[in-house]
PDB file of N, CA and C in Angstrom:
ATOM      1  N   MET A   1      13.382  58.902 -44.485  1.00  0.00           N
ATOM      2  CA  MET A   1      14.112  60.134 -44.363  1.00  0.00           C
ATOM      3  C   MET A   1      13.192  61.180 -43.730  1.00  0.00           C
ATOM      4  N   THR A   2      13.700  61.856 -42.701  1.00  0.00           N
ATOM      5  CA  THR A   2      12.887  62.837 -42.019  1.00  0.00           C
ATOM      6  C   THR A   2      13.153  64.232 -42.566  1.00  0.00           C
ATOM      7  N   SER A   3      12.123  65.028 -42.561  1.00  0.00           N
ATOM      8  CA  SER A   3      12.280  66.414 -42.990  1.00  0.00           C
ATOM      9  C   SER A   3      12.286  67.310 -41.759  1.00  0.00           C
ATOM     10  N   PHE A   4      13.045  68.381 -41.829  1.00  0.00           N
ATOM     11  CA  PHE A   4      13.138  69.300 -40.712  1.00  0.00           C
ATOM     12  C   PHE A   4      12.001  70.312 -40.782  1.00  0.00           C
ATOM     13  N   ASP A   5      11.374  70.542 -39.652  1.00  0.00           N
ATOM     14  CA  ASP A   5      10.320  71.544 -39.553  1.00  0.00           C
ATOM     15  C   ASP A   5      10.884  72.724 -38.780  1.00  0.00           C
ATOM     16  N   TRP A   6      11.376  73.725 -39.515  1.00  0.00           N
ATOM     17  CA  TRP A   6      12.015  74.876 -38.892  1.00  0.00           C
ATOM     18  C   TRP A   6      10.972  75.903 -38.506  1.00  0.00           C
ATOM     19  N   ASP A   7      11.177  76.494 -37.361  1.00  0.00           N
ATOM     20  CA  ASP A   7      10.317  77.554 -36.881  1.00  0.00           C
ATOM     21  C   ASP A   7      10.544  78.815 -37.724  1.00  0.00           C
ATOM     22  N   ASP A   8       9.546  79.670 -37.769  1.00  0.00           N
ATOM     23  CA  ASP A   8       9.683  80.905 -38.550  1.00  0.00           C
ATOM     24  C   ASP A   8      10.766  81.817 -37.993  1.00  0.00           C
ATOM     25  N   SER A   9      10.984  81.770 -36.679  1.00  0.00           N
ATOM     26  CA  SER A   9      12.028  82.613 -36.092  1.00  0.00           C
ATOM     27  C   SER A   9      13.416  82.143 -36.525  1.00  0.00           C
ATOM     28  N   VAL A  10      13.591  80.838 -36.718  1.00  0.00           N
ATOM     29  CA  VAL A  10      14.879  80.310 -37.193  1.00  0.00           C
ATOM     30  C   VAL A  10      15.110  80.734 -38.634  1.00  0.00           C
ATOM     31  N   LYS A  11      14.071  80.644 -39.445  1.00  0.00           N
ATOM     32  CA  LYS A  11      14.191  81.075 -40.837  1.00  0.00           C
ATOM     33  C   LYS A  11      14.514  82.564 -40.928  1.00  0.00           C
ATOM     34  N   ALA A  12      13.876  83.369 -40.097  1.00  0.00           N
ATOM     35  CA  ALA A  12      14.134  84.811 -40.091  1.00  0.00           C
ATOM     36  C   ALA A  12      15.550  85.105 -39.616  1.00  0.00           C
ATOM     37  N   ALA A  13      16.027  84.366 -38.608  1.00  0.00           N
ATOM     38  CA  ALA A  13      17.386  84.585 -38.109  1.00  0.00           C
ATOM     39  C   ALA A  13      18.421  84.235 -39.172  1.00  0.00           C
ATOM     40  N   ILE A  14      18.189  83.161 -39.915  1.00  0.00           N
ATOM     41  CA  ILE A  14      19.112  82.790 -40.988  1.00  0.00           C
ATOM     42  C   ILE A  14      19.100  83.842 -42.083  1.00  0.00           C
ATOM     43  N   PHE A  15      17.921  84.285 -42.472  1.00  0.00           N
ATOM     44  CA  PHE A  15      17.809  85.284 -43.533  1.00  0.00           C
ATOM     45  C   PHE A  15      18.464  86.599 -43.139  1.00  0.00           C
ATOM     46  N   PHE A  16      18.104  87.118 -41.955  1.00  0.00           N
ATOM     47  CA  PHE A  16      18.643  88.409 -41.532  1.00  0.00           C
ATOM     48  C   PHE A  16      20.121  88.315 -41.165  1.00  0.00           C
ATOM     49  N   GLY A  17      20.560  87.155 -40.689  1.00  0.00           N
ATOM     50  CA  GLY A  17      21.982  86.968 -40.438  1.00  0.00           C
ATOM     51  C   GLY A  17      22.777  87.009 -41.730  1.00  0.00           C
ATOM     52  N   PHE A  18      22.284  86.330 -42.759  1.00  0.00           N
ATOM     53  CA  PHE A  18      22.949  86.363 -44.061  1.00  0.00           C
ATOM     54  C   PHE A  18      22.919  87.763 -44.658  1.00  0.00           C
ATOM     55  N   ALA A  19      21.775  88.432 -44.550  1.00  0.00           N
ATOM     56  CA  ALA A  19      21.667  89.796 -45.080  1.00  0.00           C
ATOM     57  C   ALA A  19      22.610  90.740 -44.335  1.00  0.00           C
ATOM     58  N   GLY A  20      22.711  90.573 -43.025  1.00  0.00           N
ATOM     59  CA  GLY A  20      23.625  91.398 -42.240  1.00  0.00           C
ATOM     60  C   GLY A  20      25.076  91.179 -42.616  1.00  0.00           C
ATOM     61  N   LEU A  21      25.449  89.910 -42.824  1.00  0.00           N
ATOM     62  CA  LEU A  21      26.824  89.617 -43.256  1.00  0.00           C
ATOM     63  C   LEU A  21      27.093  90.187 -44.638  1.00  0.00           C
ATOM     64  N   TRP A  22      26.102  90.178 -45.505  1.00  0.00           N
ATOM     65  CA  TRP A  22      26.266  90.717 -46.854  1.00  0.00           C
ATOM     66  C   TRP A  22      26.481  92.238 -46.804  1.00  0.00           C
ATOM     67  N   VAL A  23      25.687  92.907 -45.981  1.00  0.00           N
ATOM     68  CA  VAL A  23      25.849  94.358 -45.824  1.00  0.00           C
ATOM     69  C   VAL A  23      27.191  94.665 -45.173  1.00  0.00           C
ATOM     70  N   LEU A  24      27.555  93.896 -44.139  1.00  0.00           N
ATOM     71  CA  LEU A  24      28.847  94.105 -43.480  1.00  0.00           C
ATOM     72  C   LEU A  24      29.996  93.923 -44.463  1.00  0.00           C
ATOM     73  N   TRP A  25      29.902  92.897 -45.300  1.00  0.00           N
ATOM     74  CA  TRP A  25      30.955  92.689 -46.285  1.00  0.00           C
ATOM     75  C   TRP A  25      31.004  93.830 -47.296  1.00  0.00           C
ATOM     76  N   GLY A  26      29.870  94.378 -47.679  1.00  0.00           N
ATOM     77  CA  GLY A  26      29.862  95.523 -48.581  1.00  0.00           C
ATOM     78  C   GLY A  26      30.544  96.730 -47.969  1.00  0.00           C
ATOM     79  N   VAL A  27      30.305  96.975 -46.691  1.00  0.00           N
ATOM     80  CA  VAL A  27      30.959  98.092 -46.004  1.00  0.00           C
ATOM     81  C   VAL A  27      32.457  97.855 -45.901  1.00  0.00           C
ATOM     82  N   ILE A  28      32.842  96.632 -45.547  1.00  0.00           N
ATOM     83  CA  ILE A  28      34.272  96.300 -45.446  1.00  0.00           C
ATOM     84  C   ILE A  28      34.945  96.426 -46.804  1.00  0.00           C
ATOM     85  N   ASP A  29      34.296  95.951 -47.849  1.00  0.00           N
ATOM     86  CA  ASP A  29      34.878  96.009 -49.187  1.00  0.00           C
ATOM     87  C   ASP A  29      35.038  97.444 -49.664  1.00  0.00           C
ATOM     88  N   TYR A  30      34.126  98.318 -49.285  1.00  0.00           N
ATOM     89  CA  TYR A  30      34.171  99.703 -49.750  1.00  0.00           C
ATOM     90  C   TYR A  30      35.200 100.544 -48.984  1.00  0.00           C
ATOM     91  N   PHE A  31      35.270 100.355 -47.670  1.00  0.00           N
ATOM     92  CA  PHE A  31      36.079 101.250 -46.850  1.00  0.00           C
ATOM     93  C   PHE A  31      37.482 100.740 -46.510  1.00  0.00           C
ATOM     94  N   PHE A  32      37.725  99.434 -46.596  1.00  0.00           N
ATOM     95  CA  PHE A  32      38.984  98.889 -46.094  1.00  0.00           C
ATOM     96  C   PHE A  32      39.824  98.289 -47.208  1.00  0.00           C
ATOM     97  N   ASP A  33      41.127  98.180 -46.941  1.00  0.00           N
ATOM     98  CA  ASP A  33      42.064  97.586 -47.887  1.00  0.00           C
ATOM     99  C   ASP A  33      41.951  96.069 -47.866  1.00  0.00           C
ATOM    100  N   TYR A  34      42.707  95.437 -48.766  1.00  0.00           N
ATOM    101  CA  TYR A  34      42.645  93.984 -48.921  1.00  0.00           C
ATOM    102  C   TYR A  34      43.120  93.264 -47.659  1.00  0.00           C
ATOM    103  N   SER A  35      44.142  93.766 -47.005  1.00  0.00           N
ATOM    104  CA  SER A  35      44.651  93.095 -45.805  1.00  0.00           C
ATOM    105  C   SER A  35      43.607  93.110 -44.685  1.00  0.00           C
ATOM    106  N   PHE A  36      42.883  94.206 -44.548  1.00  0.00           N
ATOM    107  CA  PHE A  36      41.816  94.250 -43.553  1.00  0.00           C
ATOM    108  C   PHE A  36      40.654  93.335 -43.937  1.00  0.00           C
ATOM    109  N   GLN A  37      40.410  93.178 -45.222  1.00  0.00           N
ATOM    110  CA  GLN A  37      39.346  92.272 -45.662  1.00  0.00           C
ATOM    111  C   GLN A  37      39.652  90.843 -45.245  1.00  0.00           C
ATOM    112  N   ILE A  38      40.911  90.437 -45.402  1.00  0.00           N
ATOM    113  CA  ILE A  38      41.304  89.088 -44.982  1.00  0.00           C
ATOM    114  C   ILE A  38      41.111  88.931 -43.479  1.00  0.00           C
ATOM    115  N   TYR A  39      41.528  89.948 -42.726  1.00  0.00           N
ATOM    116  CA  TYR A  39      41.365  89.918 -41.274  1.00  0.00           C
ATOM    117  C   TYR A  39      39.890  89.811 -40.887  1.00  0.00           C
ATOM    118  N   PHE A  40      39.033  90.619 -41.493  1.00  0.00           N
ATOM    119  CA  PHE A  40      37.621  90.606 -41.152  1.00  0.00           C
ATOM    120  C   PHE A  40      36.940  89.298 -41.557  1.00  0.00           C
ATOM    121  N   VAL A  41      37.325  88.715 -42.687  1.00  0.00           N
ATOM    122  CA  VAL A  41      36.756  87.421 -43.084  1.00  0.00           C
ATOM    123  C   VAL A  41      37.137  86.358 -42.068  1.00  0.00           C
ATOM    124  N   ALA A  42      38.404  86.347 -41.652  1.00  0.00           N
ATOM    125  CA  ALA A  42      38.841  85.386 -40.634  1.00  0.00           C
ATOM    126  C   ALA A  42      38.085  85.612 -39.329  1.00  0.00           C
ATOM    127  N   LEU A  43      37.898  86.873 -38.962  1.00  0.00           N
ATOM    128  CA  LEU A  43      37.165  87.183 -37.732  1.00  0.00           C
ATOM    129  C   LEU A  43      35.716  86.720 -37.811  1.00  0.00           C
ATOM    130  N   ILE A  44      35.081  86.937 -38.953  1.00  0.00           N
ATOM    131  CA  ILE A  44      33.688  86.501 -39.125  1.00  0.00           C
ATOM    132  C   ILE A  44      33.587  84.982 -39.026  1.00  0.00           C
ATOM    133  N   PHE A  45      34.496  84.247 -39.668  1.00  0.00           N
ATOM    134  CA  PHE A  45      34.456  82.779 -39.591  1.00  0.00           C
ATOM    135  C   PHE A  45      34.726  82.281 -38.175  1.00  0.00           C
ATOM    136  N   ILE A  46      35.616  82.944 -37.455  1.00  0.00           N
ATOM    137  CA  ILE A  46      35.883  82.551 -36.073  1.00  0.00           C
ATOM    138  C   ILE A  46      34.657  82.798 -35.207  1.00  0.00           C
ATOM    139  N   LEU A  47      33.995  83.931 -35.391  1.00  0.00           N
ATOM    140  CA  LEU A  47      32.796  84.223 -34.602  1.00  0.00           C
ATOM    141  C   LEU A  47      31.658  83.247 -34.912  1.00  0.00           C
ATOM    142  N   ILE A  48      31.484  82.914 -36.194  1.00  0.00           N
ATOM    143  CA  ILE A  48      30.451  81.933 -36.565  1.00  0.00           C
ATOM    144  C   ILE A  48      30.761  80.577 -35.942  1.00  0.00           C
ATOM    145  N   SER A  49      32.033  80.185 -35.967  1.00  0.00           N
ATOM    146  CA  SER A  49      32.445  78.915 -35.369  1.00  0.00           C
ATOM    147  C   SER A  49      32.197  78.904 -33.863  1.00  0.00           C
ATOM    148  N   CYS A  50      32.506  80.007 -33.187  1.00  0.00           N
ATOM    149  CA  CYS A  50      32.283  80.084 -31.738  1.00  0.00           C
ATOM    150  C   CYS A  50      30.800  79.970 -31.403  1.00  0.00           C
ATOM    151  N   VAL A  51      29.957  80.618 -32.175  1.00  0.00           N
ATOM    152  CA  VAL A  51      28.521  80.524 -31.933  1.00  0.00           C
ATOM    153  C   VAL A  51      28.037  79.091 -32.157  1.00  0.00           C
ATOM    154  N   TYR A  52      28.505  78.443 -33.228  1.00  0.00           N
ATOM    155  CA  TYR A  52      28.092  77.065 -33.513  1.00  0.00           C
ATOM    156  C   TYR A  52      28.547  76.123 -32.401  1.00  0.00           C
ATOM    157  N   ILE A  53      29.796  76.271 -31.953  1.00  0.00           N
ATOM    158  CA  ILE A  53      30.316  75.405 -30.892  1.00  0.00           C
ATOM    159  C   ILE A  53      29.548  75.628 -29.595  1.00  0.00           C
ATOM    160  N   THR A  54      29.225  76.877 -29.279  1.00  0.00           N
ATOM    161  CA  THR A  54      28.473  77.168 -28.062  1.00  0.00           C
ATOM    162  C   THR A  54      27.088  76.553 -28.107  1.00  0.00           C
ATOM    163  N   VAL A  55      26.410  76.677 -29.243  1.00  0.00           N
ATOM    164  CA  VAL A  55      25.077  76.079 -29.379  1.00  0.00           C
ATOM    165  C   VAL A  55      25.164  74.566 -29.285  1.00  0.00           C
ATOM    166  N   TRP A  56      26.179  73.967 -29.906  1.00  0.00           N
ATOM    167  CA  TRP A  56      26.350  72.513 -29.868  1.00  0.00           C
ATOM    168  C   TRP A  56      26.594  72.045 -28.438  1.00  0.00           C
ATOM    169  N   GLN A  57      27.417  72.777 -27.688  1.00  0.00           N
ATOM    170  CA  GLN A  57      27.733  72.368 -26.326  1.00  0.00           C
ATOM    171  C   GLN A  57      26.545  72.537 -25.386  1.00  0.00           C
ATOM    172  N   THR A  58      25.695  73.504 -25.628  1.00  0.00           N
ATOM    173  CA  THR A  58      24.537  73.667 -24.760  1.00  0.00           C
ATOM    174  C   THR A  58      23.481  72.603 -25.011  1.00  0.00           C
ATOM    175  N   LYS A  59      23.516  71.967 -26.166  1.00  0.00           N
ATOM    176  CA  LYS A  59      22.543  70.906 -26.442  1.00  0.00           C
ATOM    177  C   LYS A  59      23.036  69.541 -25.985  1.00  0.00           C
ATOM    178  N   ASN A  60      24.327  69.411 -25.718  1.00  0.00           N
ATOM    179  CA  ASN A  60      24.874  68.152 -25.204  1.00  0.00           C
ATOM    180  C   ASN A  60      24.994  68.262 -23.686  1.00  0.00           C
ATOM    181  N   VAL A  61      24.322  67.368 -22.981  1.00  0.00           N
ATOM    182  CA  VAL A  61      24.327  67.384 -21.528  1.00  0.00           C
ATOM    183  C   VAL A  61      25.020  66.123 -21.040  1.00  0.00           C
ATOM    184  N   VAL A  62      25.996  66.305 -20.156  1.00  0.00           N
ATOM    185  CA  VAL A  62      26.728  65.161 -19.613  1.00  0.00           C
ATOM    186  C   VAL A  62      25.989  64.652 -18.388  1.00  0.00           C
ATOM    187  N   VAL A  63      25.723  63.356 -18.383  1.00  0.00           N
ATOM    188  CA  VAL A  63      25.083  62.697 -17.252  1.00  0.00           C
ATOM    189  C   VAL A  63      25.998  61.567 -16.799  1.00  0.00           C
ATOM    190  N   PRO A  64      25.772  60.987 -15.613  1.00  0.00           N
ATOM    191  CA  PRO A  64      26.686  59.945 -15.126  1.00  0.00           C
ATOM    192  C   PRO A  64      26.822  58.746 -16.070  1.00  0.00           C
ATOM    193  N   GLY A  65      25.822  58.448 -16.858  1.00  0.00           N
ATOM    194  CA  GLY A  65      25.900  57.297 -17.755  1.00  0.00           C
ATOM    195  C   GLY A  65      26.489  57.629 -19.113  1.00  0.00           C
ATOM    196  N   GLY A  66      26.880  58.870 -19.350  1.00  0.00           N
ATOM    197  CA  GLY A  66      27.410  59.287 -20.652  1.00  0.00           C
ATOM    198  C   GLY A  66      26.917  60.685 -20.962  1.00  0.00           C
ATOM    199  N   TRP A  67      26.510  60.888 -22.206  1.00  0.00           N
ATOM    200  CA  TRP A  67      25.970  62.197 -22.562  1.00  0.00           C
ATOM    201  C   TRP A  67      24.670  62.008 -23.306  1.00  0.00           C
ATOM    202  N   VAL A  68      23.804  62.988 -23.195  1.00  0.00           N
ATOM    203  CA  VAL A  68      22.492  62.970 -23.822  1.00  0.00           C
ATOM    204  C   VAL A  68      22.361  64.233 -24.657  1.00  0.00           C
ATOM    205  N   ARG A  69      21.857  64.087 -25.854  1.00  0.00           N
ATOM    206  CA  ARG A  69      21.648  65.250 -26.714  1.00  0.00           C
ATOM    207  C   ARG A  69      20.212  65.715 -26.536  1.00  0.00           C
ATOM    208  N   ILE A  70      20.047  66.967 -26.126  1.00  0.00           N
ATOM    209  CA  ILE A  70      18.720  67.528 -25.877  1.00  0.00           C
ATOM    210  C   ILE A  70      18.286  68.314 -27.093  1.00  0.00           C
ATOM    211  N   VAL A  71      17.302  67.796 -27.826  1.00  0.00           N
ATOM    212  CA  VAL A  71      16.732  68.503 -28.956  1.00  0.00           C
ATOM    213  C   VAL A  71      15.212  68.327 -28.870  1.00  0.00           C
ATOM    214  N   ASN A  72      14.520  69.428 -28.835  1.00  0.00           N
ATOM    215  CA  ASN A  72      13.053  69.434 -28.769  1.00  0.00           C
ATOM    216  C   ASN A  72      12.516  68.631 -27.589  1.00  0.00           C
ATOM    217  N   VAL A  73      13.178  68.753 -26.444  1.00  0.00           N
ATOM    218  CA  VAL A  73      12.718  68.093 -25.234  1.00  0.00           C
ATOM    219  C   VAL A  73      12.189  69.167 -24.296  1.00  0.00           C
ATOM    220  N   ASN A  74      10.954  69.053 -23.921  1.00  0.00           N
ATOM    221  CA  ASN A  74      10.346  70.006 -23.004  1.00  0.00           C
ATOM    222  C   ASN A  74      10.344  69.406 -21.609  1.00  0.00           C
ATOM    223  N   ILE A  75      11.130  69.990 -20.717  1.00  0.00           N
ATOM    224  CA  ILE A  75      11.195  69.518 -19.350  1.00  0.00           C
ATOM    225  C   ILE A  75      10.279  70.400 -18.504  1.00  0.00           C
ATOM    226  N   PRO A  76       9.294  69.801 -17.846  1.00  0.00           N
ATOM    227  CA  PRO A  76       8.341  70.618 -17.075  1.00  0.00           C
ATOM    228  C   PRO A  76       8.981  71.180 -15.817  1.00  0.00           C
TER     229      PRO A  76
END
């Protein structure tokens, strides 16, 4: 079983992204009604999904023989 070696910038992005979503949810919960909260939660999940799909698609490269997944490949 392999362990993932995450870069410090990835760890910081996850931490600050979660903290930002927590603060955003606090602002939404304080200022907006329940119907807007549902809308904003759906919007946040859609945006997270779009970012994940975009990152996934940029790591998959189509070549004539099929597709290749590029992870930690340094091309000179």
